[in-house]
Amino acid sequence: MALRELASLEKYLGLKKPNKYSTRGEKKVPVLQNNSGPPLVGLVTIACHLVKEAKRPELLGDAAEDRAVVHQWLEYRVSKLDGCSKDESRTILKDLNLYLQDKVCMAGNHFTLADVLMYNGIHPLIMDLTFQEKEQYLNVTRWFDHIQHRAGIRHHLPPVVVLRNRIYTTRHH
């Protein structure tokens, strides 16, 4: 999944020449063979490199505090979200729902690389939820729907319907 995710990120960033990736180990950690130095290893390392290569520093955060928040969510993605169990996923969704209560994006009000990687990481969890379960995590589903509808984000992933249309059953007299 990480290799498709990186290829999708390249397209989103508008990088013209696609990179060649491989994987390493049982967990299939992505590796980018860098022409100008040693290979880059790991989803976060490579994704940050691609953002810098595309000259899109705003995706890493404008201020020092923003950059720290973005990095925190990038680390959260690979340390907590990737490979989590079904029980852990419920805790993650509950925590994210609380965190996103007063935020538009992962780093506040500005779209960043954290939104891209967290969206890709959380996509399988949201796909597995019923409509009723999605309604329990309204802040997560609001954020998720916002991100999936941004141009160029959902290259390799199917769209997810996050809210169903409600038919009003109460009678108005």
N, C-alpha and C. Protein backbone atom coordinates (compact mmCIF):
# COMPACT_ATOMS: atom_id res chain seq x y z
N MET A 1 0.82 -1.19 0.00
CA MET A 1 0.00 0.00 0.00
C MET A 1 0.87 1.25 0.00
N ALA A 2 1.96 1.25 0.73
CA ALA A 2 2.80 2.45 0.83
C ALA A 2 3.36 2.88 -0.52
N LEU A 3 3.66 1.92 -1.38
CA LEU A 3 4.22 2.27 -2.69
C LEU A 3 3.19 2.98 -3.56
N ARG A 4 1.95 2.50 -3.53
CA ARG A 4 0.88 3.18 -4.28
C ARG A 4 0.60 4.54 -3.68
N GLU A 5 0.68 4.61 -2.38
CA GLU A 5 0.46 5.87 -1.68
C GLU A 5 1.51 6.92 -2.08
N LEU A 6 2.75 6.50 -2.16
CA LEU A 6 3.83 7.41 -2.56
C LEU A 6 3.69 7.83 -4.02
N ALA A 7 3.30 6.89 -4.88
CA ALA A 7 3.08 7.23 -6.29
C ALA A 7 1.93 8.23 -6.42
N SER A 8 0.90 8.05 -5.62
CA SER A 8 -0.24 8.98 -5.62
C SER A 8 0.19 10.36 -5.11
N LEU A 9 1.03 10.37 -4.09
CA LEU A 9 1.54 11.64 -3.57
C LEU A 9 2.36 12.37 -4.64
N GLU A 10 3.16 11.63 -5.38
CA GLU A 10 3.93 12.24 -6.47
C GLU A 10 3.01 12.92 -7.48
N LYS A 11 1.92 12.24 -7.85
CA LYS A 11 0.96 12.83 -8.79
C LYS A 11 0.34 14.09 -8.21
N TYR A 12 -0.08 14.01 -6.94
CA TYR A 12 -0.69 15.17 -6.30
C TYR A 12 0.27 16.35 -6.29
N LEU A 13 1.53 16.09 -6.02
CA LEU A 13 2.54 17.15 -5.95
C LEU A 13 2.97 17.66 -7.32
N GLY A 14 2.56 16.95 -8.36
CA GLY A 14 2.91 17.36 -9.71
C GLY A 14 4.34 17.06 -10.10
N LEU A 15 4.94 16.07 -9.46
CA LEU A 15 6.30 15.69 -9.80
C LEU A 15 6.28 14.97 -11.15
N LYS A 16 7.09 15.43 -12.06
CA LYS A 16 7.05 14.93 -13.44
C LYS A 16 7.69 13.56 -13.61
N LYS A 17 8.84 13.36 -12.99
CA LYS A 17 9.57 12.11 -13.17
C LYS A 17 9.28 11.18 -11.99
N PRO A 18 8.55 10.07 -12.24
CA PRO A 18 8.25 9.17 -11.12
C PRO A 18 9.52 8.51 -10.57
N ASN A 19 9.53 8.34 -9.27
CA ASN A 19 10.67 7.69 -8.60
C ASN A 19 10.50 6.18 -8.64
N LYS A 20 11.59 5.48 -8.41
CA LYS A 20 11.56 4.02 -8.33
C LYS A 20 11.69 3.62 -6.87
N TYR A 21 10.72 2.83 -6.43
CA TYR A 21 10.67 2.40 -5.05
C TYR A 21 10.85 0.90 -4.96
N SER A 22 11.31 0.48 -3.80
CA SER A 22 11.33 -0.93 -3.46
C SER A 22 10.84 -1.02 -2.02
N THR A 23 10.78 -2.23 -1.50
CA THR A 23 10.40 -2.40 -0.10
C THR A 23 11.45 -3.23 0.60
N ARG A 24 11.44 -3.09 1.91
CA ARG A 24 12.44 -3.78 2.73
C ARG A 24 11.74 -4.46 3.90
N GLY A 25 12.10 -5.70 4.15
CA GLY A 25 11.64 -6.40 5.35
C GLY A 25 10.22 -6.92 5.27
N GLU A 26 9.82 -7.56 6.38
CA GLU A 26 8.50 -8.16 6.50
C GLU A 26 7.38 -7.13 6.42
N LYS A 27 7.62 -5.96 7.00
CA LYS A 27 6.61 -4.91 7.03
C LYS A 27 6.55 -4.11 5.73
N LYS A 28 7.39 -4.49 4.77
CA LYS A 28 7.44 -3.84 3.46
C LYS A 28 7.60 -2.33 3.58
N VAL A 29 8.62 -1.93 4.31
CA VAL A 29 8.94 -0.52 4.49
C VAL A 29 9.43 0.03 3.15
N PRO A 30 8.85 1.14 2.68
CA PRO A 30 9.27 1.67 1.38
C PRO A 30 10.69 2.22 1.40
N VAL A 31 11.38 2.06 0.27
CA VAL A 31 12.74 2.54 0.10
C VAL A 31 12.81 3.28 -1.22
N LEU A 32 13.39 4.47 -1.20
CA LEU A 32 13.61 5.26 -2.41
C LEU A 32 15.11 5.34 -2.65
N GLN A 33 15.54 4.82 -3.79
CA GLN A 33 16.96 4.94 -4.13
C GLN A 33 17.19 6.35 -4.65
N ASN A 34 17.93 7.11 -3.87
CA ASN A 34 18.19 8.51 -4.18
C ASN A 34 19.48 8.61 -5.00
N ASN A 35 19.41 9.24 -6.16
CA ASN A 35 20.59 9.38 -7.02
C ASN A 35 21.70 10.20 -6.38
N SER A 36 21.32 11.12 -5.53
CA SER A 36 22.32 12.02 -4.96
C SER A 36 22.83 11.59 -3.59
N GLY A 37 22.52 10.39 -3.16
CA GLY A 37 22.98 9.96 -1.85
C GLY A 37 22.47 8.60 -1.48
N PRO A 38 22.50 8.29 -0.19
CA PRO A 38 22.03 6.98 0.28
C PRO A 38 20.52 6.85 0.09
N PRO A 39 20.01 5.62 0.09
CA PRO A 39 18.57 5.43 -0.06
C PRO A 39 17.80 6.05 1.09
N LEU A 40 16.60 6.51 0.80
CA LEU A 40 15.70 7.03 1.82
C LEU A 40 14.76 5.91 2.22
N VAL A 41 14.60 5.70 3.52
CA VAL A 41 13.83 4.57 4.02
C VAL A 41 12.68 5.07 4.90
N GLY A 42 11.48 4.56 4.64
CA GLY A 42 10.33 4.87 5.47
C GLY A 42 9.35 5.82 4.79
N LEU A 43 8.07 5.58 5.04
CA LEU A 43 7.01 6.37 4.43
C LEU A 43 7.14 7.86 4.74
N VAL A 44 7.33 8.20 5.99
CA VAL A 44 7.40 9.61 6.39
C VAL A 44 8.62 10.29 5.79
N THR A 45 9.77 9.65 5.86
CA THR A 45 11.00 10.22 5.31
C THR A 45 10.86 10.49 3.82
N ILE A 46 10.33 9.51 3.09
CA ILE A 46 10.19 9.66 1.64
C ILE A 46 9.14 10.72 1.32
N ALA A 47 8.01 10.70 2.02
CA ALA A 47 6.95 11.68 1.76
C ALA A 47 7.45 13.11 1.99
N CYS A 48 8.18 13.33 3.07
CA CYS A 48 8.75 14.66 3.34
C CYS A 48 9.73 15.06 2.25
N HIS A 49 10.53 14.11 1.79
CA HIS A 49 11.48 14.36 0.71
C HIS A 49 10.74 14.79 -0.57
N LEU A 50 9.64 14.10 -0.89
CA LEU A 50 8.86 14.43 -2.08
C LEU A 50 8.27 15.83 -2.00
N VAL A 51 7.79 16.20 -0.82
CA VAL A 51 7.23 17.54 -0.61
C VAL A 51 8.31 18.60 -0.84
N LYS A 52 9.50 18.35 -0.32
CA LYS A 52 10.61 19.30 -0.51
C LYS A 52 11.03 19.34 -1.97
N GLU A 53 11.05 18.19 -2.63
CA GLU A 53 11.41 18.11 -4.04
C GLU A 53 10.42 18.90 -4.91
N ALA A 54 9.15 18.88 -4.51
CA ALA A 54 8.10 19.60 -5.24
C ALA A 54 8.05 21.08 -4.87
N LYS A 55 8.91 21.48 -3.94
CA LYS A 55 8.94 22.87 -3.47
C LYS A 55 7.56 23.32 -2.93
N ARG A 56 7.03 22.48 -2.03
CA ARG A 56 5.74 22.74 -1.40
C ARG A 56 5.90 22.74 0.13
N PRO A 57 6.76 23.62 0.67
CA PRO A 57 7.04 23.60 2.11
C PRO A 57 5.82 23.84 2.99
N GLU A 58 4.80 24.50 2.45
CA GLU A 58 3.60 24.76 3.25
C GLU A 58 2.91 23.46 3.67
N LEU A 59 3.14 22.38 2.93
CA LEU A 59 2.55 21.09 3.29
C LEU A 59 3.20 20.47 4.51
N LEU A 60 4.35 21.01 4.91
CA LEU A 60 5.02 20.53 6.13
C LEU A 60 4.74 21.45 7.31
N GLY A 61 4.01 22.55 7.06
CA GLY A 61 3.68 23.52 8.10
C GLY A 61 4.47 24.80 7.92
N ASP A 62 3.81 25.91 8.16
CA ASP A 62 4.44 27.21 7.95
C ASP A 62 5.32 27.63 9.13
N ALA A 63 4.78 27.55 10.32
CA ALA A 63 5.52 27.95 11.52
C ALA A 63 6.12 26.72 12.20
N ALA A 64 7.04 26.94 13.10
CA ALA A 64 7.70 25.84 13.82
C ALA A 64 6.69 24.96 14.54
N GLU A 65 5.71 25.57 15.17
CA GLU A 65 4.69 24.80 15.89
C GLU A 65 3.87 23.95 14.92
N ASP A 66 3.52 24.53 13.77
CA ASP A 66 2.78 23.78 12.75
C ASP A 66 3.59 22.59 12.25
N ARG A 67 4.88 22.81 12.02
CA ARG A 67 5.75 21.72 11.55
C ARG A 67 5.81 20.60 12.58
N ALA A 68 5.84 20.97 13.86
CA ALA A 68 5.87 19.96 14.92
C ALA A 68 4.57 19.16 14.94
N VAL A 69 3.44 19.82 14.77
CA VAL A 69 2.15 19.13 14.76
C VAL A 69 2.06 18.19 13.55
N VAL A 70 2.50 18.67 12.39
CA VAL A 70 2.49 17.83 11.19
C VAL A 70 3.35 16.60 11.43
N HIS A 71 4.56 16.81 11.95
CA HIS A 71 5.46 15.68 12.19
C HIS A 71 4.86 14.70 13.21
N GLN A 72 4.20 15.23 14.22
CA GLN A 72 3.55 14.38 15.22
C GLN A 72 2.54 13.45 14.57
N TRP A 73 1.71 13.99 13.64
CA TRP A 73 0.70 13.17 12.99
C TRP A 73 1.31 12.19 11.99
N LEU A 74 2.40 12.58 11.37
CA LEU A 74 3.09 11.65 10.47
C LEU A 74 3.62 10.45 11.27
N GLU A 75 4.20 10.74 12.42
CA GLU A 75 4.70 9.66 13.29
C GLU A 75 3.55 8.81 13.82
N TYR A 76 2.45 9.45 14.18
CA TYR A 76 1.27 8.74 14.67
C TYR A 76 0.79 7.75 13.62
N ARG A 77 0.79 8.21 12.38
CA ARG A 77 0.34 7.35 11.27
C ARG A 77 1.13 6.05 11.23
N VAL A 78 2.47 6.14 11.25
CA VAL A 78 3.27 4.92 11.10
C VAL A 78 3.41 4.13 12.40
N SER A 79 3.32 4.80 13.54
CA SER A 79 3.53 4.08 14.80
C SER A 79 2.23 3.52 15.40
N LYS A 80 1.11 4.18 15.20
CA LYS A 80 -0.15 3.74 15.81
C LYS A 80 -1.16 3.20 14.79
N LEU A 81 -1.32 3.92 13.69
CA LEU A 81 -2.38 3.59 12.75
C LEU A 81 -2.06 2.39 11.87
N ASP A 82 -0.87 2.37 11.31
CA ASP A 82 -0.49 1.26 10.43
C ASP A 82 -0.42 -0.04 11.22
N GLY A 83 -1.17 -1.02 10.77
CA GLY A 83 -1.14 -2.33 11.40
C GLY A 83 -1.92 -2.44 12.69
N CYS A 84 -2.81 -1.48 12.97
CA CYS A 84 -3.57 -1.55 14.23
C CYS A 84 -4.65 -2.63 14.13
N SER A 85 -5.01 -3.17 15.28
CA SER A 85 -6.07 -4.18 15.34
C SER A 85 -7.43 -3.49 15.28
N LYS A 86 -8.48 -4.28 15.15
CA LYS A 86 -9.84 -3.72 15.10
C LYS A 86 -10.17 -2.98 16.40
N ASP A 87 -9.78 -3.54 17.54
CA ASP A 87 -10.02 -2.88 18.82
C ASP A 87 -9.24 -1.57 18.91
N GLU A 88 -7.99 -1.60 18.48
CA GLU A 88 -7.16 -0.38 18.49
C GLU A 88 -7.73 0.67 17.54
N SER A 89 -8.30 0.22 16.43
CA SER A 89 -8.85 1.18 15.46
C SER A 89 -10.01 1.97 16.07
N ARG A 90 -10.81 1.34 16.89
CA ARG A 90 -11.94 2.04 17.54
C ARG A 90 -11.41 3.12 18.49
N THR A 91 -10.36 2.79 19.22
CA THR A 91 -9.74 3.77 20.12
C THR A 91 -9.14 4.92 19.32
N ILE A 92 -8.49 4.60 18.22
CA ILE A 92 -7.90 5.62 17.35
C ILE A 92 -8.98 6.54 16.81
N LEU A 93 -10.08 5.96 16.32
CA LEU A 93 -11.18 6.78 15.78
C LEU A 93 -11.80 7.67 16.86
N LYS A 94 -11.94 7.12 18.06
CA LYS A 94 -12.50 7.89 19.17
C LYS A 94 -11.58 9.07 19.51
N ASP A 95 -10.27 8.81 19.59
CA ASP A 95 -9.30 9.87 19.89
C ASP A 95 -9.25 10.92 18.79
N LEU A 96 -9.25 10.47 17.54
CA LEU A 96 -9.25 11.41 16.41
C LEU A 96 -10.52 12.24 16.38
N ASN A 97 -11.64 11.62 16.69
CA ASN A 97 -12.91 12.33 16.70
C ASN A 97 -12.88 13.48 17.71
N LEU A 98 -12.32 13.21 18.86
CA LEU A 98 -12.18 14.24 19.88
C LEU A 98 -11.20 15.32 19.43
N TYR A 99 -10.08 14.93 18.87
CA TYR A 99 -9.06 15.88 18.40
C TYR A 99 -9.61 16.80 17.31
N LEU A 100 -10.38 16.25 16.38
CA LEU A 100 -10.87 17.02 15.24
C LEU A 100 -12.12 17.84 15.54
N GLN A 101 -12.55 17.81 16.77
CA GLN A 101 -13.77 18.51 17.17
C GLN A 101 -13.76 19.98 16.76
N ASP A 102 -12.63 20.66 16.90
CA ASP A 102 -12.56 22.09 16.58
C ASP A 102 -11.53 22.39 15.49
N LYS A 103 -11.27 21.40 14.63
CA LYS A 103 -10.27 21.58 13.58
C LYS A 103 -10.84 21.18 12.23
N VAL A 104 -10.35 21.83 11.20
CA VAL A 104 -10.72 21.48 9.83
C VAL A 104 -9.77 20.42 9.29
N CYS A 105 -8.50 20.55 9.64
CA CYS A 105 -7.45 19.65 9.17
C CYS A 105 -6.63 19.15 10.36
N MET A 106 -5.74 18.21 10.10
CA MET A 106 -4.95 17.62 11.18
C MET A 106 -4.08 18.65 11.89
N ALA A 107 -3.59 19.64 11.15
CA ALA A 107 -2.73 20.66 11.77
C ALA A 107 -3.50 21.98 11.93
N GLY A 108 -4.76 21.90 12.30
CA GLY A 108 -5.55 23.10 12.51
C GLY A 108 -6.44 23.41 11.33
N ASN A 109 -6.19 24.55 10.69
CA ASN A 109 -7.04 24.98 9.58
C ASN A 109 -6.36 24.91 8.23
N HIS A 110 -5.14 24.41 8.19
CA HIS A 110 -4.38 24.37 6.94
C HIS A 110 -4.10 22.93 6.54
N PHE A 111 -4.39 22.64 5.28
CA PHE A 111 -4.14 21.32 4.71
C PHE A 111 -2.64 21.07 4.64
N THR A 112 -2.20 19.89 5.12
CA THR A 112 -0.77 19.55 5.14
C THR A 112 -0.57 18.09 4.73
N LEU A 113 0.67 17.70 4.70
CA LEU A 113 1.03 16.32 4.42
C LEU A 113 0.41 15.37 5.46
N ALA A 114 0.22 15.84 6.67
CA ALA A 114 -0.41 15.01 7.71
C ALA A 114 -1.81 14.59 7.27
N ASP A 115 -2.55 15.49 6.62
CA ASP A 115 -3.89 15.15 6.14
C ASP A 115 -3.82 14.07 5.07
N VAL A 116 -2.86 14.18 4.17
CA VAL A 116 -2.71 13.21 3.09
C VAL A 116 -2.40 11.83 3.65
N LEU A 117 -1.39 11.73 4.51
CA LEU A 117 -0.98 10.42 5.02
C LEU A 117 -1.99 9.84 6.01
N MET A 118 -2.60 10.69 6.83
CA MET A 118 -3.62 10.18 7.75
C MET A 118 -4.85 9.72 6.96
N TYR A 119 -5.22 10.44 5.92
CA TYR A 119 -6.34 10.03 5.07
C TYR A 119 -6.08 8.64 4.48
N ASN A 120 -4.90 8.48 3.90
CA ASN A 120 -4.56 7.18 3.31
C ASN A 120 -4.54 6.07 4.36
N GLY A 121 -4.05 6.38 5.54
CA GLY A 121 -3.97 5.37 6.60
C GLY A 121 -5.31 5.01 7.20
N ILE A 122 -6.22 5.99 7.26
CA ILE A 122 -7.51 5.75 7.90
C ILE A 122 -8.56 5.24 6.92
N HIS A 123 -8.27 5.35 5.63
CA HIS A 123 -9.23 4.93 4.60
C HIS A 123 -9.77 3.51 4.83
N PRO A 124 -8.92 2.51 5.08
CA PRO A 124 -9.48 1.16 5.30
C PRO A 124 -10.38 1.07 6.53
N LEU A 125 -10.09 1.86 7.56
CA LEU A 125 -10.93 1.85 8.76
C LEU A 125 -12.31 2.41 8.46
N ILE A 126 -12.35 3.51 7.72
CA ILE A 126 -13.62 4.15 7.39
C ILE A 126 -14.43 3.25 6.44
N MET A 127 -13.74 2.59 5.51
CA MET A 127 -14.41 1.67 4.58
C MET A 127 -15.14 0.56 5.33
N ASP A 128 -14.58 0.10 6.44
CA ASP A 128 -15.16 -1.01 7.19
C ASP A 128 -16.29 -0.61 8.13
N LEU A 129 -16.52 0.69 8.30
CA LEU A 129 -17.57 1.14 9.22
C LEU A 129 -18.94 1.13 8.56
N THR A 130 -19.95 0.81 9.34
CA THR A 130 -21.33 0.95 8.87
C THR A 130 -21.71 2.43 8.95
N PHE A 131 -22.84 2.79 8.35
CA PHE A 131 -23.28 4.18 8.45
C PHE A 131 -23.50 4.59 9.91
N GLN A 132 -24.05 3.68 10.70
CA GLN A 132 -24.29 3.98 12.11
C GLN A 132 -22.97 4.23 12.84
N GLU A 133 -21.96 3.42 12.54
CA GLU A 133 -20.66 3.60 13.18
C GLU A 133 -20.01 4.91 12.72
N LYS A 134 -20.16 5.24 11.45
CA LYS A 134 -19.61 6.50 10.94
C LYS A 134 -20.24 7.69 11.66
N GLU A 135 -21.52 7.58 11.98
CA GLU A 135 -22.20 8.66 12.69
C GLU A 135 -21.68 8.84 14.11
N GLN A 136 -21.06 7.80 14.69
CA GLN A 136 -20.46 7.92 16.02
C GLN A 136 -19.19 8.76 15.98
N TYR A 137 -18.59 8.87 14.80
CA TYR A 137 -17.33 9.60 14.63
C TYR A 137 -17.54 10.75 13.64
N LEU A 138 -18.48 11.62 13.94
CA LEU A 138 -18.86 12.68 13.00
C LEU A 138 -17.70 13.60 12.64
N ASN A 139 -16.85 13.92 13.58
CA ASN A 139 -15.73 14.82 13.28
C ASN A 139 -14.72 14.15 12.36
N VAL A 140 -14.50 12.87 12.57
CA VAL A 140 -13.58 12.12 11.70
C VAL A 140 -14.18 12.01 10.30
N THR A 141 -15.46 11.67 10.21
CA THR A 141 -16.07 11.51 8.89
C THR A 141 -16.17 12.85 8.16
N ARG A 142 -16.41 13.94 8.88
CA ARG A 142 -16.41 15.27 8.27
C ARG A 142 -15.04 15.58 7.68
N TRP A 143 -13.99 15.38 8.49
CA TRP A 143 -12.62 15.60 8.02
C TRP A 143 -12.29 14.69 6.84
N PHE A 144 -12.62 13.40 6.97
CA PHE A 144 -12.33 12.42 5.94
C PHE A 144 -12.99 12.81 4.61
N ASP A 145 -14.25 13.17 4.66
CA ASP A 145 -14.98 13.55 3.45
C ASP A 145 -14.37 14.81 2.83
N HIS A 146 -14.00 15.75 3.66
CA HIS A 146 -13.34 16.98 3.18
C HIS A 146 -12.04 16.64 2.44
N ILE A 147 -11.24 15.78 3.01
CA ILE A 147 -9.95 15.43 2.40
C ILE A 147 -10.15 14.61 1.13
N GLN A 148 -11.07 13.63 1.15
CA GLN A 148 -11.24 12.79 -0.04
C GLN A 148 -11.77 13.56 -1.23
N HIS A 149 -12.38 14.72 -1.00
CA HIS A 149 -12.89 15.52 -2.10
C HIS A 149 -11.92 16.61 -2.56
N ARG A 150 -10.76 16.69 -1.98
CA ARG A 150 -9.73 17.62 -2.48
C ARG A 150 -9.17 17.07 -3.79
N ALA A 151 -8.95 17.94 -4.72
CA ALA A 151 -8.45 17.52 -6.03
C ALA A 151 -7.11 16.79 -5.89
N GLY A 152 -7.02 15.63 -6.51
CA GLY A 152 -5.77 14.90 -6.59
C GLY A 152 -5.40 14.04 -5.40
N ILE A 153 -6.23 13.96 -4.39
CA ILE A 153 -5.86 13.20 -3.18
C ILE A 153 -6.18 11.72 -3.32
N ARG A 154 -7.31 11.38 -3.88
CA ARG A 154 -7.82 10.01 -3.86
C ARG A 154 -7.47 9.25 -5.14
N HIS A 155 -6.23 9.31 -5.60
CA HIS A 155 -5.84 8.66 -6.86
C HIS A 155 -6.07 7.16 -6.85
N HIS A 156 -5.59 6.48 -5.85
CA HIS A 156 -5.59 5.01 -5.85
C HIS A 156 -6.62 4.39 -4.93
N LEU A 157 -7.46 5.22 -4.31
CA LEU A 157 -8.43 4.70 -3.35
C LEU A 157 -9.86 4.95 -3.83
N PRO A 158 -10.76 4.02 -3.56
CA PRO A 158 -12.16 4.23 -3.95
C PRO A 158 -12.81 5.27 -3.04
N PRO A 159 -13.80 6.00 -3.57
CA PRO A 159 -14.51 6.96 -2.72
C PRO A 159 -15.32 6.24 -1.65
N VAL A 160 -15.51 6.90 -0.53
CA VAL A 160 -16.28 6.33 0.57
C VAL A 160 -17.46 7.26 0.85
N VAL A 161 -18.65 6.69 0.87
CA VAL A 161 -19.83 7.46 1.26
C VAL A 161 -19.81 7.50 2.78
N VAL A 162 -19.72 8.70 3.33
CA VAL A 162 -19.58 8.78 4.78
C VAL A 162 -20.87 9.07 5.51
N LEU A 163 -21.83 9.68 4.84
CA LEU A 163 -23.12 9.95 5.47
C LEU A 163 -24.22 9.51 4.53
N ARG A 164 -25.24 8.95 5.08
CA ARG A 164 -26.37 8.56 4.23
C ARG A 164 -27.41 9.68 4.23
N ASN A 165 -28.20 9.69 3.20
CA ASN A 165 -29.30 10.65 3.15
C ASN A 165 -30.36 10.20 4.13
N ARG A 166 -30.83 11.13 4.89
CA ARG A 166 -31.86 10.78 5.88
C ARG A 166 -33.23 11.10 5.32
N ILE A 167 -34.14 10.20 5.56
CA ILE A 167 -35.54 10.43 5.19
C ILE A 167 -36.22 10.82 6.49
N TYR A 168 -36.86 11.97 6.45
CA TYR A 168 -37.49 12.46 7.67
C TYR A 168 -38.77 11.69 7.92
N THR A 169 -38.80 11.09 9.08
CA THR A 169 -39.94 10.25 9.41
C THR A 169 -40.91 10.95 10.37
N THR A 170 -40.50 12.07 10.92
CA THR A 170 -41.40 12.78 11.83
C THR A 170 -42.44 13.51 11.01
N ARG A 171 -43.62 13.52 11.50
CA ARG A 171 -44.71 14.20 10.78
C ARG A 171 -44.80 15.63 11.25
N HIS A 172 -45.01 16.47 10.29
CA HIS A 172 -45.23 17.90 10.58
C HIS A 172 -46.70 18.19 10.39
N HIS A 173 -47.35 18.65 11.44
CA HIS A 173 -48.80 18.91 11.35
C HIS A 173 -49.05 20.34 11.05
